[in-house]
Amino acid sequence: MLQRRALLAAPAVLARPAFAQGTWPERPVRTLVGFPPGGSLDVMTRLMAEQMSQRLGQQFVVENRTGAAGHLAAEALARAQPDGYTLGTVGMPTALISPMLYRKLPYDPSKDYAWIGQMWEFPNVVVVPASLPVRTLAEFIAWGREQPGGISYGSSGVGTTIHLCGAWLLARAGIQGTHIVYRGAAQTIPAMLSGDVQLAVDNLASYVPVIREGRLRALAVTSDTRWPTLPEVPTMAEAGMDGFVVTSWHMWAGPLGFPETAQRPLFAAIQATCGDPAVQARALEMGARLIGKGPETVRARLAAERPFWAEMVKVSGAQVE
């Protein structure tokens, strides 16, 4: 929450940089977020909005359009006028996993959006209460197999990367698990501390403070290398589970038809931001790695990851009416 207040308090510098082509933006730009204030997506969106405001000379106003697992904001973005003044931060789960879970969505990620660029990615972290008698992933697996009736694991919703990763981990480990849904890490963490759940494979960004406090124990991260701010925590491969490299990544998008005259300066600002060492350091402290790749990379990565997530959905048994 302190990070969010800091972002809100940061002044917007209104000097237009040399790379801002043409006259866009001439007025404030609405930026939609599908999840509540204070969460990892909201905090990172506000960081980027602050940077866009400084680099492009107009305010990027963050609007939290919450509900329906991010679908309300996704629909609002798809239906917005493509005039260059409505953007959204769209997560890979919204664009890729939701169409596998829902028979009907109020948006079509393959047709309704102009992808502008990848911005950041979060790894997940395998966390357990510090009160459990385990210190490694192998010890947790051995302990979990011995629990009568299995264990409980928490997530922020059916079909989220958090749910799918937890289900996949338990399936591969041979542990029986009961999935319990909470409204984000703000509820999952207290449930873990009280003993209601024994595991979460959740976005690292939400857990760094409580891990550092020693109340939860990090057993592994799902990135391909150790995370710079938690160098003592092994990767999944180092912890003994190969083929478990997972990140939840996010991109900036506009409605289909978003004008090229806006896309060009916006993407230039995204690249400049993602290449800024000071901003990179702030993002890492929040648990995110900046990317700054273009729309072609977005489309290629969505296509490449589709079979992987389809298998994850199948293993989890996730279904949404």
Protein backbone atom coordinates (compact mmCIF):
# COMPACT_ATOMS: atom_id res chain seq x y z
CA MET A 1 0.00 0.00 0.00
CA LEU A 2 2.94 2.33 0.71
CA GLN A 3 4.13 1.73 -2.84
CA ARG A 4 0.72 2.70 -4.21
CA ARG A 5 0.66 5.90 -2.13
CA ALA A 6 4.11 6.78 -3.41
CA LEU A 7 2.95 6.34 -6.98
CA LEU A 8 -0.13 8.46 -6.40
CA ALA A 9 1.96 11.17 -4.81
CA ALA A 10 4.51 11.33 -7.63
CA PRO A 11 4.10 14.53 -9.66
CA ALA A 12 3.48 14.38 -13.38
CA VAL A 13 6.10 16.25 -15.39
CA LEU A 14 4.37 17.77 -18.38
CA ALA A 15 7.32 18.43 -20.66
CA ARG A 16 6.76 16.71 -24.04
CA PRO A 17 9.82 14.64 -25.12
CA ALA A 18 11.41 14.73 -28.53
CA PHE A 19 10.12 11.29 -29.54
CA ALA A 20 6.43 12.18 -29.08
CA GLN A 21 5.33 12.31 -32.71
CA GLY A 22 2.57 14.61 -33.89
CA THR A 23 0.21 16.18 -31.40
CA TRP A 24 -1.00 13.10 -29.50
CA PRO A 25 -1.91 13.18 -26.69
CA GLU A 26 -3.76 16.48 -26.58
CA ARG A 27 -5.83 15.63 -23.50
CA PRO A 28 -5.75 13.13 -20.59
CA VAL A 29 -5.74 9.43 -21.48
CA ARG A 30 -8.04 7.03 -19.61
CA THR A 31 -6.28 3.82 -18.53
CA LEU A 32 -8.50 0.90 -17.50
CA VAL A 33 -7.50 -1.70 -14.91
CA GLY A 34 -9.70 -4.71 -14.26
CA PHE A 35 -8.67 -5.34 -10.64
CA PRO A 36 -8.87 -3.41 -7.35
CA PRO A 37 -6.52 -0.67 -6.14
CA GLY A 38 -3.45 -1.83 -4.26
CA GLY A 39 -2.99 -5.13 -6.09
CA SER A 40 0.02 -5.93 -8.22
CA LEU A 41 -1.64 -5.07 -11.55
CA ASP A 42 -2.96 -1.78 -10.20
CA VAL A 43 0.37 -0.76 -8.68
CA MET A 44 2.33 -1.56 -11.84
CA THR A 45 -0.25 0.20 -14.04
CA ARG A 46 0.10 3.30 -11.89
CA LEU A 47 3.86 3.15 -12.18
CA MET A 48 3.58 3.02 -15.98
CA ALA A 49 0.87 5.70 -16.04
CA GLU A 50 3.14 7.97 -14.02
CA GLN A 51 5.93 7.39 -16.53
CA MET A 52 3.66 7.96 -19.54
CA SER A 53 2.43 11.20 -17.99
CA GLN A 54 5.99 12.41 -17.57
CA ARG A 55 7.21 11.29 -20.98
CA LEU A 56 4.20 12.30 -23.11
CA GLY A 57 3.06 15.46 -21.39
CA GLN A 58 -0.53 14.53 -20.53
CA GLN A 59 -2.05 12.75 -17.55
CA PHE A 60 -2.73 9.03 -17.88
CA VAL A 61 -5.66 8.61 -15.50
CA VAL A 62 -6.03 5.13 -14.02
CA GLU A 63 -9.61 3.89 -13.71
CA ASN A 64 -10.27 0.67 -11.78
CA ARG A 65 -13.16 -1.10 -13.52
CA THR A 66 -13.30 -4.15 -11.27
CA GLY A 67 -15.41 -7.30 -11.36
CA ALA A 68 -15.95 -10.56 -13.23
CA ALA A 69 -12.28 -11.58 -13.10
CA GLY A 70 -11.21 -8.55 -15.11
CA HIS A 71 -13.84 -9.05 -17.80
CA LEU A 72 -15.69 -5.79 -17.10
CA ALA A 73 -12.61 -3.73 -17.89
CA ALA A 74 -11.80 -5.95 -20.87
CA GLU A 75 -15.28 -5.38 -22.27
CA ALA A 76 -15.13 -1.63 -21.63
CA LEU A 77 -11.82 -1.47 -23.47
CA ALA A 78 -13.15 -3.48 -26.41
CA ARG A 79 -16.20 -1.18 -26.70
CA ALA A 80 -14.33 2.10 -26.27
CA GLN A 81 -13.96 4.60 -29.09
CA PRO A 82 -10.66 3.96 -30.90
CA ASP A 83 -9.65 7.61 -30.72
CA GLY A 84 -6.39 7.10 -28.83
CA TYR A 85 -7.74 8.24 -25.47
CA THR A 86 -8.76 4.93 -23.85
CA LEU A 87 -6.16 2.30 -23.03
CA GLY A 88 -6.07 -0.74 -20.80
CA THR A 89 -3.56 -2.98 -19.12
CA VAL A 90 -4.59 -6.47 -20.21
CA GLY A 91 -3.17 -9.53 -18.51
CA MET A 92 -2.19 -12.70 -20.34
CA PRO A 93 -4.87 -14.62 -18.38
CA THR A 94 -7.60 -12.29 -19.67
CA ALA A 95 -6.39 -12.66 -23.25
CA LEU A 96 -5.43 -16.33 -23.27
CA ILE A 97 -6.83 -18.36 -20.39
CA SER A 98 -10.33 -16.88 -20.06
CA PRO A 99 -11.36 -17.98 -23.60
CA MET A 100 -10.47 -21.55 -22.55
CA LEU A 101 -12.71 -21.37 -19.49
CA TYR A 102 -15.76 -19.41 -20.60
CA ARG A 103 -18.11 -20.46 -23.38
CA LYS A 104 -19.07 -16.86 -23.96
CA LEU A 105 -17.12 -13.72 -23.18
CA PRO A 106 -18.17 -10.08 -23.65
CA TYR A 107 -15.00 -9.50 -25.65
CA ASP A 108 -12.88 -11.39 -28.18
CA PRO A 109 -9.15 -10.97 -27.53
CA SER A 110 -8.32 -12.16 -31.05
CA LYS A 111 -10.44 -9.47 -32.70
CA ASP A 112 -11.22 -6.58 -30.35
CA TYR A 113 -7.82 -5.16 -29.40
CA ALA A 114 -4.86 -3.35 -30.85
CA TRP A 115 -1.88 -4.77 -28.94
CA ILE A 116 0.60 -1.99 -28.28
CA GLY A 117 3.34 -3.73 -26.33
CA GLN A 118 4.37 -6.02 -23.50
CA MET A 119 5.25 -4.11 -20.38
CA TRP A 120 6.12 -6.44 -17.50
CA GLU A 121 5.88 -9.95 -16.14
CA PHE A 122 5.47 -11.39 -12.67
CA PRO A 123 6.76 -14.77 -11.62
CA ASN A 124 4.77 -16.74 -9.12
CA VAL A 125 6.24 -17.88 -5.83
CA VAL A 126 5.49 -21.09 -3.92
CA VAL A 127 4.74 -19.96 -0.38
CA VAL A 128 3.75 -21.80 2.78
CA PRO A 129 3.19 -20.68 6.37
CA ALA A 130 6.43 -20.39 8.28
CA SER A 131 4.82 -22.54 10.97
CA LEU A 132 4.90 -25.64 8.72
CA PRO A 133 7.75 -28.08 9.45
CA VAL A 134 9.25 -27.67 5.97
CA ARG A 135 12.02 -25.53 4.52
CA THR A 136 12.29 -26.84 0.96
CA LEU A 137 9.93 -27.83 -1.81
CA ALA A 138 10.98 -31.47 -1.46
CA GLU A 139 10.20 -31.39 2.26
CA PHE A 140 6.81 -29.83 1.57
CA ILE A 141 5.96 -32.51 -0.98
CA ALA A 142 6.92 -35.26 1.46
CA TRP A 143 4.88 -33.59 4.22
CA GLY A 144 1.88 -32.96 1.96
CA ARG A 145 1.68 -36.58 0.88
CA GLU A 146 1.34 -37.63 4.50
CA GLN A 147 -1.59 -35.35 5.34
CA PRO A 148 -4.89 -37.23 5.77
CA GLY A 149 -7.36 -35.73 3.30
CA GLY A 150 -4.64 -33.68 1.62
CA ILE A 151 -4.05 -29.96 1.95
CA SER A 152 -5.80 -26.72 1.04
CA TYR A 153 -4.39 -24.14 -1.35
CA GLY A 154 -5.60 -20.63 -2.04
CA SER A 155 -6.03 -18.48 -5.13
CA SER A 156 -7.84 -15.38 -6.32
CA GLY A 157 -10.22 -17.27 -8.60
CA VAL A 158 -10.94 -20.31 -10.72
CA GLY A 159 -8.75 -20.38 -13.80
CA THR A 160 -6.27 -17.75 -12.62
CA THR A 161 -2.59 -18.52 -13.08
CA ILE A 162 -2.49 -18.84 -9.30
CA HIS A 163 -5.15 -21.57 -9.31
CA LEU A 164 -3.66 -23.37 -12.31
CA CYS A 165 -0.13 -23.32 -10.90
CA GLY A 166 -1.28 -24.61 -7.51
CA ALA A 167 -3.28 -27.41 -9.10
CA TRP A 168 -0.43 -28.33 -11.43
CA LEU A 169 2.12 -28.40 -8.62
CA LEU A 170 -0.03 -30.69 -6.48
CA ALA A 171 -0.84 -32.97 -9.42
CA ARG A 172 2.84 -33.36 -10.28
CA ALA A 173 3.75 -33.88 -6.62
CA GLY A 174 1.01 -36.45 -6.02
CA ILE A 175 -0.66 -34.43 -3.27
CA GLN A 176 -4.41 -34.25 -2.83
CA GLY A 177 -5.54 -30.64 -2.67
CA THR A 178 -8.67 -28.59 -2.04
CA HIS A 179 -8.88 -25.27 -3.87
CA ILE A 180 -10.18 -22.31 -1.85
CA VAL A 181 -10.94 -19.01 -3.59
CA TYR A 182 -10.20 -15.66 -1.93
CA ARG A 183 -10.47 -12.09 -3.15
CA GLY A 184 -6.79 -11.69 -3.85
CA ALA A 185 -3.62 -11.98 -1.81
CA ALA A 186 -4.98 -9.56 0.79
CA GLN A 187 -7.31 -12.36 1.91
CA THR A 188 -5.14 -15.35 1.03
CA ILE A 189 -2.22 -14.25 3.20
CA PRO A 190 -4.26 -13.99 6.45
CA ALA A 191 -5.83 -17.36 5.65
CA MET A 192 -2.38 -18.89 5.35
CA LEU A 193 -1.20 -17.26 8.56
CA SER A 194 -4.24 -18.59 10.42
CA GLY A 195 -3.71 -22.12 9.08
CA ASP A 196 -6.80 -22.28 6.86
CA VAL A 197 -4.65 -22.99 3.81
CA GLN A 198 -1.17 -24.46 3.58
CA LEU A 199 -0.04 -23.38 0.13
CA ALA A 200 -0.26 -20.67 -2.51
CA VAL A 201 1.56 -20.32 -5.82
CA ASP A 202 0.81 -16.64 -6.17
CA ASN A 203 2.22 -13.50 -7.80
CA LEU A 204 5.53 -12.67 -6.16
CA ALA A 205 4.70 -8.96 -6.09
CA SER A 206 2.02 -9.48 -3.44
CA TYR A 207 4.16 -11.60 -1.12
CA VAL A 208 7.60 -10.00 -0.91
CA PRO A 209 6.89 -7.99 2.30
CA VAL A 210 5.42 -10.91 4.28
CA ILE A 211 8.20 -13.23 3.08
CA ARG A 212 10.81 -10.75 4.25
CA GLU A 213 9.01 -10.48 7.59
CA GLY A 214 9.45 -14.25 7.99
CA ARG A 215 5.75 -15.02 8.44
CA LEU A 216 5.53 -16.94 5.16
CA ARG A 217 8.27 -19.09 3.67
CA ALA A 218 9.16 -18.97 -0.02
CA LEU A 219 10.10 -22.42 -1.34
CA ALA A 220 10.69 -21.57 -5.01
CA VAL A 221 9.99 -19.02 -7.74
CA THR A 222 8.53 -19.94 -11.13
CA SER A 223 10.84 -17.69 -13.16
CA ASP A 224 13.65 -19.21 -15.21
CA THR A 225 16.30 -17.60 -12.99
CA ARG A 226 16.42 -16.59 -9.33
CA TRP A 227 14.65 -13.33 -8.57
CA PRO A 228 17.11 -10.47 -7.90
CA THR A 229 15.42 -9.21 -4.73
CA LEU A 230 15.05 -12.73 -3.25
CA PRO A 231 18.31 -14.36 -4.36
CA GLU A 232 18.16 -17.00 -1.65
CA VAL A 233 14.95 -18.53 -3.08
CA PRO A 234 15.60 -21.27 -5.68
CA THR A 235 13.87 -21.65 -9.01
CA MET A 236 11.47 -24.55 -9.45
CA ALA A 237 14.13 -26.46 -11.40
CA GLU A 238 16.67 -25.89 -8.65
CA ALA A 239 14.08 -27.05 -6.12
CA GLY A 240 13.66 -30.32 -8.02
CA MET A 241 10.74 -29.71 -10.39
CA ASP A 242 11.73 -29.20 -14.03
CA GLY A 243 9.49 -27.66 -16.68
CA PHE A 244 7.74 -25.30 -14.27
CA VAL A 245 8.63 -21.88 -15.70
CA VAL A 246 5.57 -19.66 -15.46
CA THR A 247 5.09 -15.90 -15.51
CA SER A 248 1.96 -13.81 -15.61
CA TRP A 249 2.65 -11.07 -18.13
CA HIS A 250 0.78 -7.94 -19.08
CA MET A 251 0.47 -5.69 -22.07
CA TRP A 252 -0.93 -2.34 -22.98
CA ALA A 253 -3.78 -2.43 -25.48
CA GLY A 254 -6.29 -0.15 -27.08
CA PRO A 255 -9.57 -0.95 -28.81
CA LEU A 256 -9.27 -2.23 -32.37
CA GLY A 257 -8.56 0.71 -34.65
CA PHE A 258 -6.43 2.53 -32.08
CA PRO A 259 -4.68 5.12 -34.30
CA GLU A 260 -1.10 4.63 -35.43
CA THR A 261 -0.44 8.28 -34.62
CA ALA A 262 -1.00 7.37 -30.97
CA GLN A 263 0.56 3.89 -31.02
CA ARG A 264 3.96 5.11 -32.22
CA PRO A 265 4.67 7.69 -29.49
CA LEU A 266 3.08 5.46 -26.84
CA PHE A 267 5.27 2.49 -27.71
CA ALA A 268 8.33 4.75 -27.85
CA ALA A 269 7.52 5.90 -24.32
CA ILE A 270 7.03 2.29 -23.18
CA GLN A 271 10.43 1.31 -24.58
CA ALA A 272 12.11 4.31 -22.96
CA THR A 273 10.50 3.50 -19.63
CA CYS A 274 11.39 -0.18 -19.74
CA GLY A 275 14.99 0.73 -20.56
CA ASP A 276 15.31 3.16 -17.65
CA PRO A 277 17.48 1.60 -14.90
CA ALA A 278 15.75 3.57 -12.14
CA VAL A 279 12.29 2.39 -13.23
CA GLN A 280 13.60 -1.16 -13.67
CA ALA A 281 14.81 -1.11 -10.06
CA ARG A 282 11.44 0.15 -8.81
CA ALA A 283 9.65 -2.59 -10.73
CA LEU A 284 11.94 -5.33 -9.38
CA GLU A 285 11.26 -4.17 -5.83
CA MET A 286 7.55 -4.56 -6.61
CA GLY A 287 8.17 -8.09 -7.91
CA ALA A 288 7.98 -7.35 -11.65
CA ARG A 289 10.40 -7.41 -14.58
CA LEU A 290 9.92 -4.81 -17.32
CA ILE A 291 9.85 -6.08 -20.92
CA GLY A 292 9.09 -3.36 -23.48
CA LYS A 293 8.46 -5.55 -26.55
CA GLY A 294 6.16 -4.67 -29.45
CA PRO A 295 2.83 -6.01 -30.75
CA GLU A 296 4.43 -8.69 -32.93
CA THR A 297 6.06 -10.18 -29.83
CA VAL A 298 2.72 -10.06 -28.00
CA ARG A 299 0.96 -12.03 -30.73
CA ALA A 300 3.81 -14.53 -31.03
CA ARG A 301 3.95 -15.15 -27.29
CA LEU A 302 0.19 -15.61 -27.02
CA ALA A 303 0.35 -18.23 -29.78
CA ALA A 304 3.38 -19.99 -28.29
CA GLU A 305 1.91 -20.26 -24.78
CA ARG A 306 -1.60 -21.36 -25.80
CA PRO A 307 -0.86 -25.15 -25.73
CA PHE A 308 0.90 -24.87 -22.37
CA TRP A 309 -2.02 -23.12 -20.68
CA ALA A 310 -4.54 -25.45 -22.32
CA GLU A 311 -2.74 -28.35 -20.64
CA MET A 312 -2.73 -26.48 -17.32
CA VAL A 313 -6.49 -25.89 -17.56
CA LYS A 314 -7.05 -29.56 -18.35
CA VAL A 315 -4.97 -30.76 -15.39
CA SER A 316 -6.70 -28.35 -13.01
CA GLY A 317 -10.19 -29.36 -14.07
CA ALA A 318 -11.14 -25.66 -13.99
CA GLN A 319 -14.61 -24.91 -15.29
CA VAL A 320 -16.60 -21.69 -15.23
CA GLU A 321 -20.25 -21.39 -16.23
